[in-house]
Amino acid sequence: MKYTFRNYNDNDYNLIYDLKKQAFQEYVKYFWGLWDDEKQHEFFDNYIKAQRDRIKIIVLDGKDIGYFDDKLCGNEYVIVTIIIEPEYQGKGVGTEILKNAIKEHLKNEIHIQCFKTNPVKNLYFKLGFEETEQTKTHIKMELNKEKYLTYINDAKCGVIKE
């Protein structure tokens, strides 16, 4: 599956909010007890105002299927968010985006985080991320480059199945 990115525009607001809600509602309810749409829209409005220039819409076969947000701060590269429409999850698109982002920024320290209860953490660990910190709600991770390169080399040699 070959994906492309396009820049966020104001017409994408509902798409991205709906994706965020689909992806995070269960975790927000788990940790905070409820999903307050009004509060979540307020958080989301602030996020969009601050980060709109770095948000990329993920496009597959002409269809918007998710969004990607990353940032580079000095030598630290942070993968902020990768959200894929549920019907496209498990097809390797998110993994491919993640691998390409890592490959592009391998010279940097690479960080990612996720909700503690989100099973995507298993993918992150598989790719070579290691836990650096836990908060009440999140696992923060940094890429162990040696583990990542071993994983990539093993995958190329057919040692592991993707």
Protein backbone atom coordinates (compact mmCIF):
# COMPACT_ATOMS: atom_id res chain seq x y z
CA MET A 1 0.00 0.00 0.00
CA LYS A 2 1.50 3.29 -1.07
CA TYR A 3 0.39 6.26 0.97
CA THR A 4 1.05 9.95 0.46
CA PHE A 5 0.74 12.98 2.71
CA ARG A 6 -0.95 16.28 2.12
CA ASN A 7 -0.99 19.32 4.36
CA TYR A 8 -3.84 19.91 6.79
CA ASN A 9 -6.43 22.53 5.83
CA ASP A 10 -9.50 23.83 7.67
CA ASN A 11 -11.77 21.44 5.76
CA ASP A 12 -9.99 18.57 7.56
CA TYR A 13 -11.06 19.66 11.05
CA ASN A 14 -14.01 17.24 11.37
CA LEU A 15 -12.10 14.37 9.80
CA ILE A 16 -9.25 14.73 12.26
CA TYR A 17 -11.50 15.28 15.27
CA ASP A 18 -13.54 12.19 14.38
CA LEU A 19 -10.36 10.14 13.94
CA LYS A 20 -9.05 11.35 17.29
CA LYS A 21 -12.35 10.49 18.95
CA GLN A 22 -12.42 7.00 17.41
CA ALA A 23 -8.81 6.35 18.39
CA PHE A 24 -8.73 7.83 21.89
CA GLN A 25 -12.25 7.82 23.30
CA GLU A 26 -11.89 4.40 24.93
CA TYR A 27 -8.60 5.43 26.61
CA VAL A 28 -9.92 8.79 27.77
CA LYS A 29 -12.94 7.05 29.32
CA TYR A 30 -10.67 4.45 30.93
CA PHE A 31 -8.38 7.01 32.57
CA TRP A 32 -10.73 9.94 33.18
CA GLY A 33 -14.12 8.24 33.36
CA LEU A 34 -15.84 10.00 30.49
CA TRP A 35 -15.45 11.60 27.12
CA ASP A 36 -16.71 15.17 27.40
CA ASP A 37 -17.22 16.28 23.79
CA GLU A 38 -17.21 19.97 24.71
CA LYS A 39 -13.93 19.70 26.61
CA GLN A 40 -12.39 17.50 23.94
CA HIS A 41 -13.32 20.04 21.25
CA GLU A 42 -11.69 22.75 23.36
CA PHE A 43 -8.47 20.69 23.70
CA PHE A 44 -8.62 19.88 20.01
CA ASP A 45 -9.16 23.51 18.97
CA ASN A 46 -6.05 24.50 20.92
CA TYR A 47 -4.08 21.65 19.36
CA ILE A 48 -5.13 22.63 15.84
CA LYS A 49 -4.32 26.31 16.40
CA ALA A 50 -0.85 25.47 17.69
CA GLN A 51 0.08 22.58 15.39
CA ARG A 52 -1.86 23.06 12.16
CA ASP A 53 1.29 23.66 10.09
CA ARG A 54 2.84 20.32 10.93
CA ILE A 55 -0.23 18.05 10.66
CA LYS A 56 -0.24 15.84 7.57
CA ILE A 57 -3.27 14.02 6.22
CA ILE A 58 -2.54 10.42 5.22
CA VAL A 59 -3.96 9.63 1.78
CA LEU A 60 -4.30 6.13 0.34
CA ASP A 61 -5.73 5.53 -3.13
CA GLY A 62 -7.14 9.06 -3.16
CA LYS A 63 -8.93 8.63 0.20
CA ASP A 64 -8.05 10.45 3.41
CA ILE A 65 -7.46 7.64 5.90
CA GLY A 66 -5.68 9.27 8.83
CA TYR A 67 -3.28 11.87 10.04
CA PHE A 68 0.32 12.14 11.14
CA ASP A 69 1.93 14.69 13.42
CA ASP A 70 5.64 14.84 14.20
CA LYS A 71 8.15 17.44 15.26
CA LEU A 72 11.87 18.01 15.40
CA CYS A 73 13.22 19.96 18.38
CA GLY A 74 16.98 20.25 18.17
CA ASN A 75 18.27 16.67 18.12
CA GLU A 76 15.00 15.22 19.41
CA TYR A 77 12.50 13.88 16.89
CA VAL A 78 9.05 13.23 18.35
CA ILE A 79 6.36 11.18 16.67
CA VAL A 80 3.33 12.87 18.20
CA THR A 81 0.42 11.10 16.56
CA ILE A 82 -0.33 8.50 13.93
CA ILE A 83 -4.03 7.75 13.58
CA ILE A 84 -5.43 5.51 10.86
CA GLU A 85 -9.12 4.90 10.07
CA PRO A 86 -10.18 1.62 11.73
CA GLU A 87 -10.94 -0.08 8.39
CA TYR A 88 -7.31 0.54 7.28
CA GLN A 89 -5.66 -0.53 10.54
CA GLY A 90 -3.70 -3.76 10.53
CA LYS A 91 -2.78 -3.38 6.86
CA GLY A 92 0.71 -1.99 7.46
CA VAL A 93 0.12 1.65 6.57
CA GLY A 94 0.85 2.99 10.06
CA THR A 95 3.85 0.70 10.42
CA GLU A 96 5.23 1.89 7.08
CA ILE A 97 4.76 5.54 8.08
CA LEU A 98 6.52 4.86 11.37
CA LYS A 99 9.43 3.05 9.70
CA ASN A 100 9.87 5.82 7.12
CA ALA A 101 9.82 8.49 9.83
CA ILE A 102 12.42 6.58 11.83
CA LYS A 103 14.61 6.03 8.76
CA GLU A 104 14.49 9.74 7.94
CA HIS A 105 15.44 10.76 11.49
CA LEU A 106 17.77 7.95 12.53
CA LYS A 107 20.51 10.45 13.37
CA ASN A 108 18.23 11.99 16.03
CA GLU A 109 16.93 10.78 19.36
CA ILE A 110 13.50 9.42 18.48
CA HIS A 111 10.63 9.52 20.98
CA ILE A 112 7.04 8.32 20.96
CA GLN A 113 4.36 7.77 23.57
CA CYS A 114 0.98 6.08 23.82
CA PHE A 115 -1.72 5.39 26.34
CA LYS A 116 -0.63 2.59 28.68
CA THR A 117 -3.61 0.46 27.64
CA ASN A 118 -3.14 0.97 23.88
CA PRO A 119 -1.98 -2.26 22.18
CA VAL A 120 0.04 -0.20 19.65
CA LYS A 121 2.76 -0.22 22.32
CA ASN A 122 3.53 -3.80 21.24
CA LEU A 123 4.39 -2.57 17.75
CA TYR A 124 6.60 0.16 19.20
CA PHE A 125 8.46 -2.37 21.38
CA LYS A 126 8.82 -4.73 18.38
CA LEU A 127 10.40 -1.93 16.35
CA GLY A 128 12.98 -1.27 19.08
CA PHE A 129 11.43 1.42 21.25
CA GLU A 130 12.17 1.10 24.96
CA GLU A 131 10.19 2.52 27.83
CA THR A 132 11.83 5.54 29.43
CA GLU A 133 9.01 6.71 31.68
CA GLN A 134 5.46 5.99 32.72
CA THR A 135 2.93 8.58 33.73
CA LYS A 136 -0.48 7.81 35.17
CA THR A 137 -1.83 7.48 31.63
CA HIS A 138 1.06 7.09 29.16
CA ILE A 139 4.18 5.11 28.34
CA LYS A 140 6.98 7.29 27.01
CA MET A 141 9.56 5.58 24.82
CA GLU A 142 12.83 6.20 23.04
CA LEU A 143 14.11 4.26 20.06
CA ASN A 144 17.01 1.91 20.74
CA LYS A 145 18.68 2.27 17.34
CA GLU A 146 20.65 -0.97 17.66
CA LYS A 147 17.45 -2.95 18.30
CA TYR A 148 15.68 -1.14 15.47
CA LEU A 149 18.47 -1.86 12.97
CA THR A 150 18.55 -5.52 14.06
CA TYR A 151 14.77 -5.71 13.55
CA ILE A 152 15.02 -4.15 10.08
CA ASN A 153 17.93 -6.41 9.10
CA ASP A 154 16.07 -9.52 10.35
CA ALA A 155 12.96 -8.45 8.44
CA LYS A 156 14.98 -8.05 5.23
CA CYS A 157 16.44 -11.53 5.73
CA GLY A 158 13.01 -13.03 6.30
CA VAL A 159 13.69 -13.89 9.94
CA ILE A 160 10.55 -12.12 11.18
CA LYS A 161 7.16 -11.78 9.64
CA GLU A 162 5.71 -8.29 9.31
